[in-house]
Protein backbone atom coordinates (compact mmCIF):
# COMPACT_ATOMS: atom_id res chain seq x y z
CA MET A 1 -29.18 160.00 10.11
CA THR A 2 -30.75 163.39 9.78
CA ALA A 3 -31.59 165.23 6.59
CA GLU A 4 -28.55 167.45 7.13
CA GLN A 5 -26.25 164.42 7.19
CA PHE A 6 -27.62 163.28 3.82
CA THR A 7 -26.90 166.63 2.22
CA CYS A 8 -23.21 166.37 3.12
CA THR A 9 -21.83 163.37 1.26
CA ARG A 10 -18.22 164.29 1.90
CA TYR A 11 -17.58 161.15 3.93
CA LEU A 12 -19.78 158.80 1.89
CA ARG A 13 -18.70 156.73 -1.06
CA THR A 14 -20.84 157.95 -3.93
CA TYR A 15 -21.19 156.63 -7.46
CA ALA A 16 -21.65 158.24 -10.85
CA SER A 17 -24.51 155.95 -11.87
CA LYS A 18 -27.11 153.73 -10.26
CA ALA A 19 -25.56 150.74 -12.04
CA ASN A 20 -22.23 151.39 -10.33
CA ALA A 21 -23.94 151.75 -6.95
CA LYS A 22 -25.81 148.45 -7.51
CA LYS A 23 -22.54 146.71 -8.37
CA ALA A 24 -20.96 147.99 -5.14
CA VAL A 25 -23.91 146.69 -3.10
CA GLU A 26 -23.71 143.31 -4.84
CA LYS A 27 -19.94 143.11 -4.40
CA ALA A 28 -20.34 143.77 -0.67
CA GLY A 29 -22.91 140.94 -0.49
CA PHE A 30 -25.82 143.10 0.65
CA SER A 31 -28.11 142.98 -2.40
CA ASP A 32 -30.73 140.91 -0.54
CA LEU A 33 -31.13 143.49 2.24
CA PRO A 34 -33.65 146.35 2.04
CA HIS A 35 -32.13 149.52 0.62
CA VAL A 36 -32.88 152.55 -1.51
CA PHE A 37 -30.69 154.73 -3.66
CA ALA A 38 -30.38 158.39 -2.77
CA VAL A 39 -29.01 161.23 -4.87
CA SER A 40 -26.67 163.82 -3.38
CA ASP A 41 -27.02 167.51 -4.11
CA CYS A 42 -24.25 167.21 -6.72
CA GLY A 43 -26.01 164.36 -8.54
CA ARG A 44 -23.98 161.43 -7.20
CA ILE A 45 -25.79 158.25 -6.13
CA PHE A 46 -25.35 156.26 -2.93
CA PRO A 47 -27.22 153.36 -1.32
CA VAL A 48 -28.97 153.73 2.03
CA PHE A 49 -29.82 150.55 3.93
CA ILE A 50 -32.95 150.40 6.04
CA GLY A 51 -33.68 148.39 9.16
CA GLU A 52 -32.17 146.70 12.17
CA ARG A 53 -31.35 143.58 10.16
CA CYS A 54 -29.07 145.62 7.91
CA ALA A 55 -27.21 146.98 10.91
CA GLN A 56 -26.84 143.47 12.30
CA GLU A 57 -25.43 142.30 8.96
CA GLY A 58 -22.81 145.08 9.09
CA THR A 59 -23.93 147.38 6.29
CA HIS A 60 -23.07 150.37 8.47
CA PHE A 61 -19.36 149.66 7.99
CA ASN A 62 -19.63 150.40 4.25
CA PHE A 63 -22.84 152.30 3.61
CA PRO A 64 -25.25 154.65 5.38
CA THR A 65 -27.73 152.63 7.41
CA ILE A 66 -30.85 153.82 9.18
CA HIS A 67 -32.86 151.77 11.66
């Protein structure tokens, strides 16, 4: 993903708080995979998964994933 794609969160599921984003990651079963939390320009939070392993586990179906 490019920086421009991160600034447009129109098609991403975003969360009001980091706690809510963490719960979504845990519910999806991806809490053990490497990820960071990013903040959109309007202050909403979303997880970004990092690495080939994340893509192989299928994080890209639910969350932004870079590898």
